[in-house]
Amino acid sequence: MEIGLLAVIVIAAWVWLDGIKAREIAVETGQQAAEKYGLQFLDESVALTKLRVARDGRGHMQLKRTYGFEVSDTGANRLACSVTLLGKRVESVDMPPYRDNNVVRIY
């Protein structure tokens, strides 16, 4: 019983610490994507919207996280975007159409 509780605490701590690094990667990726397209990265923040388990290219189990963030093309509006990480690797960045552009998919 005590060993099981300790294992749960250790796993929860690992997921939390791993999530901090993944969030930092998501923020940096969102900032770079916004800068690349001349957009404003709003709130300097991302929010975890989806968390699941997936397999990487080698078949290993990894946490797949999707973070939402917002950008603006005019400063007066907010456009919802997302970045998906598989482990610590950026899998995709999705940005909606803005101005006269089509949907942008990076990676």
N, C-alpha and C. Protein backbone atom coordinates (compact mmCIF):
# COMPACT_ATOMS: atom_id res chain seq x y z
N MET A 1 0.82 -1.19 0.00
CA MET A 1 0.00 0.00 0.00
C MET A 1 0.86 1.26 0.00
N GLU A 2 1.83 1.34 0.90
CA GLU A 2 2.69 2.51 0.99
C GLU A 2 3.59 2.64 -0.23
N ILE A 3 4.05 1.51 -0.76
CA ILE A 3 4.90 1.53 -1.96
C ILE A 3 4.09 2.02 -3.15
N GLY A 4 2.85 1.59 -3.25
CA GLY A 4 1.97 2.04 -4.33
C GLY A 4 1.73 3.54 -4.28
N LEU A 5 1.49 4.06 -3.09
CA LEU A 5 1.28 5.50 -2.92
C LEU A 5 2.54 6.28 -3.28
N LEU A 6 3.68 5.77 -2.85
CA LEU A 6 4.95 6.41 -3.18
C LEU A 6 5.18 6.41 -4.70
N ALA A 7 4.85 5.31 -5.36
CA ALA A 7 5.00 5.22 -6.82
C ALA A 7 4.10 6.24 -7.52
N VAL A 8 2.88 6.40 -7.05
CA VAL A 8 1.96 7.38 -7.63
C VAL A 8 2.51 8.80 -7.45
N ILE A 9 3.04 9.09 -6.29
CA ILE A 9 3.61 10.42 -6.03
C ILE A 9 4.82 10.68 -6.93
N VAL A 10 5.68 9.69 -7.08
CA VAL A 10 6.86 9.85 -7.93
C VAL A 10 6.46 10.06 -9.39
N ILE A 11 5.49 9.30 -9.87
CA ILE A 11 5.02 9.45 -11.26
C ILE A 11 4.39 10.82 -11.45
N ALA A 12 3.57 11.25 -10.50
CA ALA A 12 2.93 12.57 -10.61
C ALA A 12 3.97 13.68 -10.63
N ALA A 13 5.01 13.56 -9.81
CA ALA A 13 6.08 14.57 -9.78
C ALA A 13 6.82 14.59 -11.11
N TRP A 14 7.09 13.41 -11.68
CA TRP A 14 7.79 13.34 -12.96
C TRP A 14 6.95 14.00 -14.07
N VAL A 15 5.66 13.70 -14.12
CA VAL A 15 4.78 14.29 -15.14
C VAL A 15 4.75 15.80 -14.98
N TRP A 16 4.68 16.28 -13.75
CA TRP A 16 4.64 17.72 -13.51
C TRP A 16 5.93 18.40 -13.95
N LEU A 17 7.08 17.85 -13.58
CA LEU A 17 8.37 18.43 -13.96
C LEU A 17 8.60 18.34 -15.47
N ASP A 18 8.21 17.24 -16.06
CA ASP A 18 8.33 17.07 -17.51
C ASP A 18 7.42 18.09 -18.22
N GLY A 19 6.27 18.36 -17.64
CA GLY A 19 5.34 19.32 -18.21
C GLY A 19 5.87 20.74 -18.19
N ILE A 20 6.66 21.08 -17.19
CA ILE A 20 7.25 22.42 -17.12
C ILE A 20 8.17 22.65 -18.32
N LYS A 21 9.03 21.68 -18.62
CA LYS A 21 9.94 21.81 -19.76
C LYS A 21 9.16 21.83 -21.07
N ALA A 22 8.15 20.98 -21.19
CA ALA A 22 7.34 20.96 -22.41
C ALA A 22 6.63 22.30 -22.62
N ARG A 23 6.15 22.90 -21.55
CA ARG A 23 5.47 24.20 -21.64
C ARG A 23 6.45 25.27 -22.12
N GLU A 24 7.68 25.24 -21.61
CA GLU A 24 8.70 26.21 -22.05
C GLU A 24 8.96 26.07 -23.55
N ILE A 25 9.02 24.84 -24.04
CA ILE A 25 9.22 24.59 -25.47
C ILE A 25 8.03 25.13 -26.26
N ALA A 26 6.81 24.92 -25.75
CA ALA A 26 5.61 25.40 -26.44
C ALA A 26 5.58 26.93 -26.50
N VAL A 27 5.95 27.60 -25.42
CA VAL A 27 5.99 29.07 -25.42
C VAL A 27 6.99 29.56 -26.44
N GLU A 28 8.19 29.00 -26.43
CA GLU A 28 9.23 29.41 -27.37
C GLU A 28 8.79 29.17 -28.83
N THR A 29 8.16 28.04 -29.08
CA THR A 29 7.69 27.72 -30.43
C THR A 29 6.59 28.68 -30.86
N GLY A 30 5.66 29.00 -29.97
CA GLY A 30 4.60 29.96 -30.29
C GLY A 30 5.16 31.34 -30.60
N GLN A 31 6.13 31.77 -29.81
CA GLN A 31 6.76 33.07 -30.05
C GLN A 31 7.47 33.09 -31.39
N GLN A 32 8.19 32.04 -31.72
CA GLN A 32 8.90 31.98 -32.99
C GLN A 32 7.94 31.96 -34.17
N ALA A 33 6.83 31.21 -34.05
CA ALA A 33 5.86 31.15 -35.14
C ALA A 33 5.21 32.52 -35.35
N ALA A 34 4.85 33.19 -34.27
CA ALA A 34 4.24 34.52 -34.38
C ALA A 34 5.22 35.50 -35.02
N GLU A 35 6.45 35.47 -34.59
CA GLU A 35 7.47 36.37 -35.13
C GLU A 35 7.70 36.10 -36.62
N LYS A 36 7.73 34.83 -36.98
CA LYS A 36 7.98 34.45 -38.38
C LYS A 36 6.93 35.05 -39.32
N TYR A 37 5.69 35.15 -38.86
CA TYR A 37 4.61 35.65 -39.70
C TYR A 37 4.19 37.07 -39.36
N GLY A 38 4.99 37.76 -38.56
CA GLY A 38 4.72 39.15 -38.25
C GLY A 38 3.49 39.35 -37.37
N LEU A 39 3.22 38.40 -36.50
CA LEU A 39 2.06 38.46 -35.60
C LEU A 39 2.52 38.77 -34.18
N GLN A 40 1.59 39.23 -33.36
CA GLN A 40 1.87 39.46 -31.95
C GLN A 40 1.51 38.21 -31.16
N PHE A 41 2.43 37.73 -30.35
CA PHE A 41 2.19 36.59 -29.46
C PHE A 41 1.54 37.16 -28.20
N LEU A 42 0.27 36.91 -28.01
CA LEU A 42 -0.48 37.54 -26.92
C LEU A 42 -0.29 36.82 -25.59
N ASP A 43 -0.27 37.58 -24.54
CA ASP A 43 -0.22 37.11 -23.15
C ASP A 43 1.07 36.37 -22.79
N GLU A 44 1.99 36.22 -23.75
CA GLU A 44 3.26 35.52 -23.48
C GLU A 44 3.02 34.19 -22.77
N SER A 45 1.97 33.48 -23.19
CA SER A 45 1.57 32.29 -22.46
C SER A 45 0.94 31.25 -23.37
N VAL A 46 0.98 29.99 -22.93
CA VAL A 46 0.27 28.89 -23.58
C VAL A 46 -0.53 28.16 -22.50
N ALA A 47 -1.54 27.42 -22.93
CA ALA A 47 -2.36 26.65 -21.99
C ALA A 47 -2.51 25.22 -22.51
N LEU A 48 -2.31 24.25 -21.64
CA LEU A 48 -2.46 22.85 -22.01
C LEU A 48 -3.92 22.57 -22.32
N THR A 49 -4.20 22.09 -23.53
CA THR A 49 -5.58 21.81 -23.91
C THR A 49 -5.85 20.31 -24.07
N LYS A 50 -4.79 19.54 -24.32
CA LYS A 50 -4.97 18.10 -24.51
C LYS A 50 -3.72 17.37 -24.04
N LEU A 51 -3.91 16.27 -23.34
CA LEU A 51 -2.80 15.44 -22.87
C LEU A 51 -3.19 13.98 -23.09
N ARG A 52 -2.33 13.27 -23.79
CA ARG A 52 -2.61 11.85 -24.05
C ARG A 52 -1.28 11.11 -24.24
N VAL A 53 -1.37 9.81 -24.35
CA VAL A 53 -0.20 8.98 -24.58
C VAL A 53 -0.20 8.57 -26.05
N ALA A 54 0.98 8.65 -26.68
CA ALA A 54 1.12 8.26 -28.08
C ALA A 54 2.49 7.61 -28.27
N ARG A 55 2.67 6.98 -29.41
CA ARG A 55 3.96 6.36 -29.72
C ARG A 55 4.75 7.24 -30.68
N ASP A 56 6.06 7.31 -30.43
CA ASP A 56 6.92 8.07 -31.33
C ASP A 56 7.30 7.18 -32.52
N GLY A 57 8.19 7.67 -33.38
CA GLY A 57 8.58 6.94 -34.58
C GLY A 57 9.27 5.62 -34.30
N ARG A 58 9.85 5.47 -33.12
CA ARG A 58 10.52 4.22 -32.74
C ARG A 58 9.61 3.28 -31.97
N GLY A 59 8.36 3.70 -31.78
CA GLY A 59 7.40 2.86 -31.07
C GLY A 59 7.39 3.03 -29.57
N HIS A 60 8.15 4.00 -29.05
CA HIS A 60 8.18 4.24 -27.61
C HIS A 60 7.01 5.11 -27.18
N MET A 61 6.49 4.82 -26.01
CA MET A 61 5.38 5.61 -25.46
C MET A 61 5.90 6.98 -25.03
N GLN A 62 5.18 8.02 -25.42
CA GLN A 62 5.52 9.40 -25.07
C GLN A 62 4.23 10.12 -24.69
N LEU A 63 4.37 11.19 -23.94
CA LEU A 63 3.21 12.05 -23.68
C LEU A 63 3.08 13.01 -24.86
N LYS A 64 1.87 13.08 -25.38
CA LYS A 64 1.57 14.00 -26.47
C LYS A 64 0.72 15.12 -25.89
N ARG A 65 1.25 16.34 -25.97
CA ARG A 65 0.58 17.50 -25.36
C ARG A 65 0.23 18.50 -26.45
N THR A 66 -0.96 19.06 -26.35
CA THR A 66 -1.35 20.15 -27.23
C THR A 66 -1.58 21.38 -26.36
N TYR A 67 -0.91 22.47 -26.73
CA TYR A 67 -1.03 23.74 -26.02
C TYR A 67 -1.70 24.75 -26.92
N GLY A 68 -2.63 25.52 -26.37
CA GLY A 68 -3.26 26.60 -27.10
C GLY A 68 -2.61 27.92 -26.75
N PHE A 69 -2.57 28.82 -27.72
CA PHE A 69 -2.08 30.17 -27.50
C PHE A 69 -2.79 31.10 -28.47
N GLU A 70 -2.65 32.37 -28.26
CA GLU A 70 -3.32 33.34 -29.12
C GLU A 70 -2.32 34.31 -29.71
N VAL A 71 -2.60 34.72 -30.96
CA VAL A 71 -1.82 35.73 -31.65
C VAL A 71 -2.78 36.78 -32.19
N SER A 72 -2.22 37.89 -32.64
CA SER A 72 -3.05 38.95 -33.25
C SER A 72 -2.32 39.48 -34.46
N ASP A 73 -3.09 39.73 -35.53
CA ASP A 73 -2.49 40.31 -36.72
C ASP A 73 -2.66 41.83 -36.75
N THR A 74 -3.65 42.34 -36.03
CA THR A 74 -3.91 43.78 -36.04
C THR A 74 -3.73 44.42 -34.67
N GLY A 75 -3.68 43.63 -33.63
CA GLY A 75 -3.62 44.15 -32.27
C GLY A 75 -5.00 44.32 -31.67
N ALA A 76 -6.04 44.21 -32.49
CA ALA A 76 -7.41 44.39 -32.02
C ALA A 76 -8.19 43.08 -31.99
N ASN A 77 -7.59 42.00 -32.43
CA ASN A 77 -8.30 40.72 -32.44
C ASN A 77 -7.41 39.63 -31.87
N ARG A 78 -8.03 38.48 -31.60
CA ARG A 78 -7.30 37.33 -31.08
C ARG A 78 -7.57 36.13 -31.99
N LEU A 79 -6.50 35.47 -32.39
CA LEU A 79 -6.61 34.29 -33.23
C LEU A 79 -6.08 33.09 -32.44
N ALA A 80 -6.89 32.07 -32.29
CA ALA A 80 -6.51 30.88 -31.53
C ALA A 80 -5.58 30.00 -32.36
N CYS A 81 -4.48 29.59 -31.75
CA CYS A 81 -3.47 28.74 -32.39
C CYS A 81 -3.15 27.58 -31.46
N SER A 82 -2.38 26.62 -31.97
CA SER A 82 -1.97 25.52 -31.10
C SER A 82 -0.61 24.99 -31.53
N VAL A 83 0.07 24.39 -30.58
CA VAL A 83 1.33 23.69 -30.83
C VAL A 83 1.21 22.32 -30.17
N THR A 84 1.61 21.28 -30.90
CA THR A 84 1.55 19.92 -30.39
C THR A 84 2.96 19.37 -30.24
N LEU A 85 3.23 18.82 -29.06
CA LEU A 85 4.53 18.21 -28.76
C LEU A 85 4.35 16.72 -28.52
N LEU A 86 5.26 15.94 -29.04
CA LEU A 86 5.32 14.52 -28.73
C LEU A 86 6.62 14.34 -27.96
N GLY A 87 6.48 14.13 -26.67
CA GLY A 87 7.65 14.17 -25.79
C GLY A 87 8.11 15.61 -25.73
N LYS A 88 9.34 15.86 -26.11
CA LYS A 88 9.86 17.24 -26.14
C LYS A 88 10.04 17.74 -27.57
N ARG A 89 9.58 16.96 -28.55
CA ARG A 89 9.72 17.32 -29.96
C ARG A 89 8.45 17.99 -30.47
N VAL A 90 8.63 19.12 -31.14
CA VAL A 90 7.48 19.81 -31.72
C VAL A 90 6.99 19.00 -32.90
N GLU A 91 5.72 18.62 -32.85
CA GLU A 91 5.12 17.83 -33.91
C GLU A 91 4.41 18.72 -34.93
N SER A 92 3.69 19.75 -34.44
CA SER A 92 3.00 20.65 -35.35
C SER A 92 2.67 21.97 -34.66
N VAL A 93 2.51 23.00 -35.48
CA VAL A 93 2.02 24.30 -35.04
C VAL A 93 0.90 24.66 -36.00
N ASP A 94 -0.27 24.93 -35.47
CA ASP A 94 -1.42 25.29 -36.31
C ASP A 94 -1.84 26.72 -36.01
N MET A 95 -1.97 27.50 -37.09
CA MET A 95 -2.40 28.89 -36.97
C MET A 95 -3.54 29.11 -37.95
N PRO A 96 -4.60 29.83 -37.55
CA PRO A 96 -5.74 30.04 -38.44
C PRO A 96 -5.42 31.06 -39.52
N PRO A 97 -6.30 31.17 -40.51
CA PRO A 97 -6.09 32.20 -41.53
C PRO A 97 -6.14 33.58 -40.89
N TYR A 98 -5.37 34.49 -41.40
CA TYR A 98 -5.39 35.87 -40.94
C TYR A 98 -5.13 36.76 -42.14
N ARG A 99 -5.61 37.96 -42.07
CA ARG A 99 -5.54 38.90 -43.19
C ARG A 99 -5.94 38.18 -44.46
N ASP A 100 -5.08 38.11 -45.44
CA ASP A 100 -5.38 37.43 -46.71
C ASP A 100 -4.71 36.09 -46.83
N ASN A 101 -4.24 35.55 -45.71
CA ASN A 101 -3.50 34.28 -45.76
C ASN A 101 -4.40 33.09 -45.51
N ASN A 102 -3.96 31.94 -45.93
CA ASN A 102 -4.67 30.69 -45.69
C ASN A 102 -4.18 30.08 -44.38
N VAL A 103 -4.74 28.93 -44.03
CA VAL A 103 -4.31 28.24 -42.80
C VAL A 103 -2.82 27.95 -42.90
N VAL A 104 -2.12 28.24 -41.84
CA VAL A 104 -0.67 28.01 -41.80
C VAL A 104 -0.42 26.77 -40.98
N ARG A 105 0.31 25.83 -41.53
CA ARG A 105 0.70 24.64 -40.78
C ARG A 105 2.22 24.53 -40.88
N ILE A 106 2.85 24.65 -39.75
CA ILE A 106 4.30 24.61 -39.70
C ILE A 106 4.71 23.23 -39.22
N TYR A 107 5.71 22.68 -39.83
CA TYR A 107 6.27 21.35 -39.51
C TYR A 107 5.49 20.28 -40.19
